[in-house]
N, C-alpha and C. Protein backbone atom coordinates (compact mmCIF):
# COMPACT_ATOMS: atom_id res chain seq x y z
N MET A 1 -63.54 137.43 116.71
CA MET A 1 -62.13 137.22 116.94
C MET A 1 -61.90 137.06 118.43
N SER A 2 -60.87 136.28 118.78
CA SER A 2 -60.59 136.02 120.18
C SER A 2 -59.77 137.15 120.80
N GLU A 3 -59.74 137.18 122.11
CA GLU A 3 -58.96 138.17 122.84
C GLU A 3 -57.47 137.88 122.64
N PRO A 4 -56.61 138.91 122.72
CA PRO A 4 -55.18 138.69 122.51
C PRO A 4 -54.56 137.67 123.45
N ASP A 5 -55.08 137.55 124.67
CA ASP A 5 -54.51 136.59 125.61
C ASP A 5 -55.26 135.26 125.62
N ASP A 6 -56.18 135.07 124.68
CA ASP A 6 -56.92 133.82 124.57
C ASP A 6 -55.96 132.75 124.02
N LYS A 7 -55.81 131.67 124.75
CA LYS A 7 -54.84 130.64 124.40
C LYS A 7 -55.53 129.32 124.04
N ILE A 8 -54.79 128.50 123.30
CA ILE A 8 -55.24 127.17 122.94
C ILE A 8 -54.06 126.23 123.19
N GLU A 9 -54.34 125.02 123.63
CA GLU A 9 -53.28 124.03 123.83
C GLU A 9 -53.05 123.27 122.55
N ILE A 10 -51.77 123.17 122.16
CA ILE A 10 -51.42 122.41 120.97
C ILE A 10 -50.45 121.30 121.35
N GLU A 11 -50.40 120.28 120.51
CA GLU A 11 -49.51 119.15 120.70
C GLU A 11 -48.39 119.21 119.66
N SER A 12 -47.47 118.29 119.77
CA SER A 12 -46.43 118.16 118.75
C SER A 12 -46.15 116.68 118.53
N ILE A 13 -46.10 116.30 117.27
CA ILE A 13 -45.79 114.91 116.95
C ILE A 13 -44.39 114.54 117.40
N THR A 14 -43.51 115.53 117.56
CA THR A 14 -42.13 115.25 117.97
C THR A 14 -41.96 115.15 119.48
N SER A 15 -42.96 115.57 120.25
CA SER A 15 -42.91 115.50 121.72
C SER A 15 -44.24 114.97 122.24
N PRO A 16 -44.51 113.68 122.06
CA PRO A 16 -45.79 113.11 122.49
C PRO A 16 -46.06 113.37 123.98
N GLY A 17 -47.30 113.73 124.28
CA GLY A 17 -47.72 113.97 125.65
C GLY A 17 -47.43 115.36 126.16
N ARG A 18 -46.69 116.14 125.42
CA ARG A 18 -46.36 117.51 125.84
C ARG A 18 -47.26 118.48 125.08
N THR A 19 -47.74 119.50 125.78
CA THR A 19 -48.56 120.52 125.14
C THR A 19 -47.96 121.90 125.39
N GLU A 20 -48.33 122.82 124.53
CA GLU A 20 -47.94 124.23 124.67
C GLU A 20 -49.19 125.06 124.53
N ARG A 21 -49.21 126.19 125.22
CA ARG A 21 -50.32 127.13 125.08
C ARG A 21 -49.88 128.25 124.16
N VAL A 22 -50.67 128.47 123.10
CA VAL A 22 -50.34 129.50 122.12
C VAL A 22 -51.56 130.36 121.84
N ASN A 23 -51.33 131.46 121.17
CA ASN A 23 -52.40 132.40 120.83
C ASN A 23 -53.43 131.72 119.92
N ARG A 24 -54.66 131.71 120.37
CA ARG A 24 -55.74 131.04 119.64
C ARG A 24 -56.00 131.67 118.27
N ALA A 25 -56.03 132.99 118.20
CA ALA A 25 -56.35 133.68 116.95
C ALA A 25 -55.30 133.38 115.88
N LYS A 26 -54.03 133.42 116.24
CA LYS A 26 -52.97 133.15 115.27
C LYS A 26 -52.98 131.68 114.86
N TYR A 27 -53.18 130.79 115.82
CA TYR A 27 -53.25 129.36 115.50
C TYR A 27 -54.40 129.10 114.52
N THR A 28 -55.56 129.62 114.84
CA THR A 28 -56.75 129.38 114.01
C THR A 28 -56.57 129.97 112.61
N ALA A 29 -56.02 131.17 112.53
CA ALA A 29 -55.80 131.79 111.23
C ALA A 29 -54.85 130.96 110.38
N MET A 30 -53.78 130.46 110.98
CA MET A 30 -52.83 129.65 110.22
C MET A 30 -53.45 128.32 109.82
N ARG A 31 -54.17 127.71 110.71
CA ARG A 31 -54.82 126.43 110.39
C ARG A 31 -55.80 126.61 109.22
N GLU A 32 -56.60 127.67 109.28
CA GLU A 32 -57.59 127.92 108.23
C GLU A 32 -56.93 128.26 106.89
N ALA A 33 -55.73 128.82 106.93
CA ALA A 33 -55.01 129.11 105.69
C ALA A 33 -54.28 127.87 105.16
N LEU A 34 -53.78 127.03 106.06
CA LEU A 34 -52.99 125.86 105.66
C LEU A 34 -53.81 124.73 105.08
N LEU A 35 -54.86 124.34 105.76
CA LEU A 35 -55.60 123.14 105.33
C LEU A 35 -56.11 123.19 103.90
N PRO A 36 -56.66 124.30 103.43
CA PRO A 36 -57.15 124.32 102.05
C PRO A 36 -56.06 124.19 100.98
N VAL A 37 -54.83 124.54 101.30
CA VAL A 37 -53.78 124.47 100.27
C VAL A 37 -53.14 123.09 100.18
N LEU A 38 -53.35 122.25 101.19
CA LEU A 38 -52.74 120.93 101.17
C LEU A 38 -53.57 119.95 100.35
N PRO A 39 -52.90 119.13 99.53
CA PRO A 39 -53.63 118.11 98.77
C PRO A 39 -54.12 117.00 99.69
N GLU A 40 -55.05 116.20 99.19
CA GLU A 40 -55.64 115.12 99.99
C GLU A 40 -54.90 113.80 99.87
N SER A 41 -53.78 113.78 99.16
CA SER A 41 -53.05 112.53 99.02
C SER A 41 -51.55 112.81 98.86
N PRO A 42 -50.74 111.79 99.15
CA PRO A 42 -49.30 111.95 98.98
C PRO A 42 -48.97 112.13 97.51
N PRO A 43 -47.86 112.71 97.14
CA PRO A 43 -46.77 113.03 98.04
C PRO A 43 -46.97 114.31 98.82
N GLY A 44 -47.89 115.18 98.45
CA GLY A 44 -48.15 116.41 99.19
C GLY A 44 -47.31 117.57 98.71
N LEU A 45 -47.40 118.67 99.45
CA LEU A 45 -46.65 119.89 99.15
C LEU A 45 -45.45 120.00 100.07
N LYS A 46 -44.34 120.51 99.53
CA LYS A 46 -43.21 120.85 100.38
C LYS A 46 -43.68 121.95 101.32
N VAL A 47 -43.09 122.02 102.50
CA VAL A 47 -43.49 123.03 103.49
C VAL A 47 -43.34 124.43 102.90
N ALA A 48 -42.25 124.69 102.19
CA ALA A 48 -42.04 126.00 101.58
C ALA A 48 -43.12 126.32 100.55
N GLU A 49 -43.55 125.30 99.80
CA GLU A 49 -44.62 125.49 98.81
C GLU A 49 -45.94 125.79 99.52
N ALA A 50 -46.20 125.10 100.61
CA ALA A 50 -47.42 125.34 101.38
C ALA A 50 -47.43 126.76 101.92
N LYS A 51 -46.29 127.21 102.44
CA LYS A 51 -46.20 128.57 102.98
C LYS A 51 -46.46 129.59 101.88
N GLU A 52 -45.85 129.39 100.73
CA GLU A 52 -46.05 130.31 99.61
C GLU A 52 -47.51 130.35 99.18
N ALA A 53 -48.16 129.19 99.18
CA ALA A 53 -49.56 129.11 98.75
C ALA A 53 -50.52 129.75 99.76
N LEU A 54 -50.20 129.67 101.05
CA LEU A 54 -51.14 130.19 102.05
C LEU A 54 -50.96 131.66 102.36
N LEU A 55 -49.79 132.21 102.10
CA LEU A 55 -49.53 133.61 102.46
C LEU A 55 -50.56 134.61 101.93
N PRO A 56 -51.01 134.49 100.67
CA PRO A 56 -52.00 135.47 100.20
C PRO A 56 -53.32 135.47 100.97
N ASP A 57 -53.67 134.34 101.58
CA ASP A 57 -54.94 134.25 102.30
C ASP A 57 -54.79 134.40 103.81
N LEU A 58 -53.57 134.62 104.26
CA LEU A 58 -53.31 134.73 105.70
C LEU A 58 -53.77 136.10 106.21
N ASP A 59 -54.39 136.12 107.37
CA ASP A 59 -54.89 137.34 107.99
C ASP A 59 -53.74 138.34 108.20
N GLN A 60 -53.75 139.43 107.45
CA GLN A 60 -52.69 140.43 107.52
C GLN A 60 -52.71 141.22 108.83
N GLY A 61 -53.84 141.22 109.50
CA GLY A 61 -53.89 141.87 110.81
C GLY A 61 -53.09 141.11 111.84
N LEU A 62 -53.05 139.79 111.71
CA LEU A 62 -52.31 138.95 112.64
C LEU A 62 -50.88 138.69 112.16
N PHE A 63 -50.69 138.64 110.85
CA PHE A 63 -49.39 138.33 110.26
C PHE A 63 -49.04 139.40 109.22
N PRO A 64 -48.77 140.64 109.64
CA PRO A 64 -48.49 141.70 108.67
C PRO A 64 -47.27 141.35 107.81
N GLY A 65 -47.49 141.33 106.50
CA GLY A 65 -46.42 140.99 105.58
C GLY A 65 -45.89 139.58 105.74
N GLY A 66 -46.67 138.72 106.38
CA GLY A 66 -46.23 137.34 106.58
C GLY A 66 -45.32 137.16 107.79
N ALA A 67 -45.22 138.17 108.63
CA ALA A 67 -44.34 138.11 109.80
C ALA A 67 -44.69 136.92 110.69
N LYS A 68 -43.69 136.18 111.05
CA LYS A 68 -43.80 135.01 111.95
C LYS A 68 -44.61 133.86 111.35
N ALA A 69 -44.94 133.94 110.07
CA ALA A 69 -45.75 132.88 109.44
C ALA A 69 -45.02 131.54 109.46
N GLY A 70 -43.72 131.54 109.30
CA GLY A 70 -42.96 130.29 109.30
C GLY A 70 -43.06 129.56 110.63
N TRP A 71 -42.91 130.31 111.73
CA TRP A 71 -43.00 129.69 113.05
C TRP A 71 -44.40 129.12 113.29
N TRP A 72 -45.42 129.90 112.95
CA TRP A 72 -46.79 129.45 113.16
C TRP A 72 -47.15 128.29 112.24
N LEU A 73 -46.63 128.30 111.03
CA LEU A 73 -46.87 127.17 110.13
C LEU A 73 -46.31 125.89 110.75
N LYS A 74 -45.09 125.95 111.28
CA LYS A 74 -44.49 124.76 111.90
C LYS A 74 -45.28 124.32 113.12
N ALA A 75 -45.71 125.26 113.96
CA ALA A 75 -46.48 124.91 115.15
C ALA A 75 -47.79 124.22 114.78
N VAL A 76 -48.49 124.78 113.80
CA VAL A 76 -49.76 124.19 113.36
C VAL A 76 -49.51 122.85 112.69
N GLN A 77 -48.47 122.77 111.86
CA GLN A 77 -48.13 121.51 111.20
C GLN A 77 -47.92 120.39 112.23
N LEU A 78 -47.09 120.63 113.23
CA LEU A 78 -46.79 119.60 114.22
C LEU A 78 -48.03 119.22 115.02
N ASP A 79 -48.87 120.19 115.34
CA ASP A 79 -50.11 119.90 116.07
C ASP A 79 -51.06 119.07 115.22
N LEU A 80 -51.25 119.46 113.97
CA LEU A 80 -52.17 118.71 113.10
C LEU A 80 -51.65 117.32 112.79
N GLU A 81 -50.33 117.16 112.72
CA GLU A 81 -49.76 115.82 112.55
C GLU A 81 -50.04 114.97 113.78
N ALA A 82 -49.86 115.55 114.96
CA ALA A 82 -50.12 114.82 116.20
C ALA A 82 -51.57 114.39 116.31
N LYS A 83 -52.47 115.18 115.75
CA LYS A 83 -53.90 114.88 115.80
C LYS A 83 -54.36 114.00 114.64
N GLY A 84 -53.46 113.69 113.69
CA GLY A 84 -53.81 112.85 112.56
C GLY A 84 -54.62 113.55 111.48
N ILE A 85 -54.59 114.87 111.46
CA ILE A 85 -55.35 115.64 110.47
C ILE A 85 -54.55 115.81 109.19
N ILE A 86 -53.23 115.95 109.34
CA ILE A 86 -52.35 115.97 108.19
C ILE A 86 -51.24 114.95 108.41
N ALA A 87 -50.53 114.62 107.34
CA ALA A 87 -49.44 113.65 107.44
C ALA A 87 -48.30 114.08 106.53
N ARG A 88 -47.14 113.46 106.77
CA ARG A 88 -45.97 113.70 105.93
C ARG A 88 -45.86 112.59 104.90
N GLY A 89 -45.46 112.97 103.70
CA GLY A 89 -45.14 111.97 102.70
C GLY A 89 -43.85 111.27 103.10
N THR A 90 -43.51 110.20 102.42
CA THR A 90 -42.33 109.42 102.78
C THR A 90 -41.04 109.96 102.19
N ALA A 91 -41.12 110.77 101.14
CA ALA A 91 -39.93 111.28 100.47
C ALA A 91 -39.37 112.52 101.18
N LYS A 92 -38.10 112.79 100.93
CA LYS A 92 -37.48 114.01 101.41
C LYS A 92 -37.48 115.01 100.26
N PRO A 93 -37.58 116.29 100.48
CA PRO A 93 -37.85 116.94 101.75
C PRO A 93 -39.28 116.70 102.22
N VAL A 94 -39.56 117.13 103.44
CA VAL A 94 -40.89 116.93 104.03
C VAL A 94 -41.96 117.51 103.12
N ARG A 95 -42.96 116.69 102.86
CA ARG A 95 -44.14 117.11 102.09
C ARG A 95 -45.36 116.79 102.94
N LEU A 96 -46.33 117.67 102.90
CA LEU A 96 -47.52 117.54 103.76
C LEU A 96 -48.77 117.33 102.91
N TYR A 97 -49.70 116.54 103.43
CA TYR A 97 -50.99 116.36 102.79
C TYR A 97 -52.05 116.12 103.87
N ARG A 98 -53.31 116.39 103.50
CA ARG A 98 -54.42 116.17 104.43
C ARG A 98 -54.76 114.69 104.48
N CYS A 99 -55.09 114.21 105.64
CA CYS A 99 -55.56 112.83 105.79
C CYS A 99 -57.06 112.80 105.46
N THR A 100 -57.49 111.74 104.83
CA THR A 100 -58.92 111.65 104.50
C THR A 100 -59.65 110.78 105.48
């Protein structure tokens, strides 16, 4: 596990060229919980469905009772979209799926 002050730079599809430094352990835990629950093709899962699906596997030491999971899910989602690892379906509400 990484140190509490160990940071990672993330991007956002909504702010191209801008990066933020966030806690590496929390980012990694959320990414590892999110990717397996997303389907490999559209239309994908609604964000709320993805959150519900990943919560049981989320590191409880980092996210006790799911605390702050919504914020971290959004941060990881936007970063992975910026990197082309996941994408949004075309329908509303937002649905996410893994890119192949």
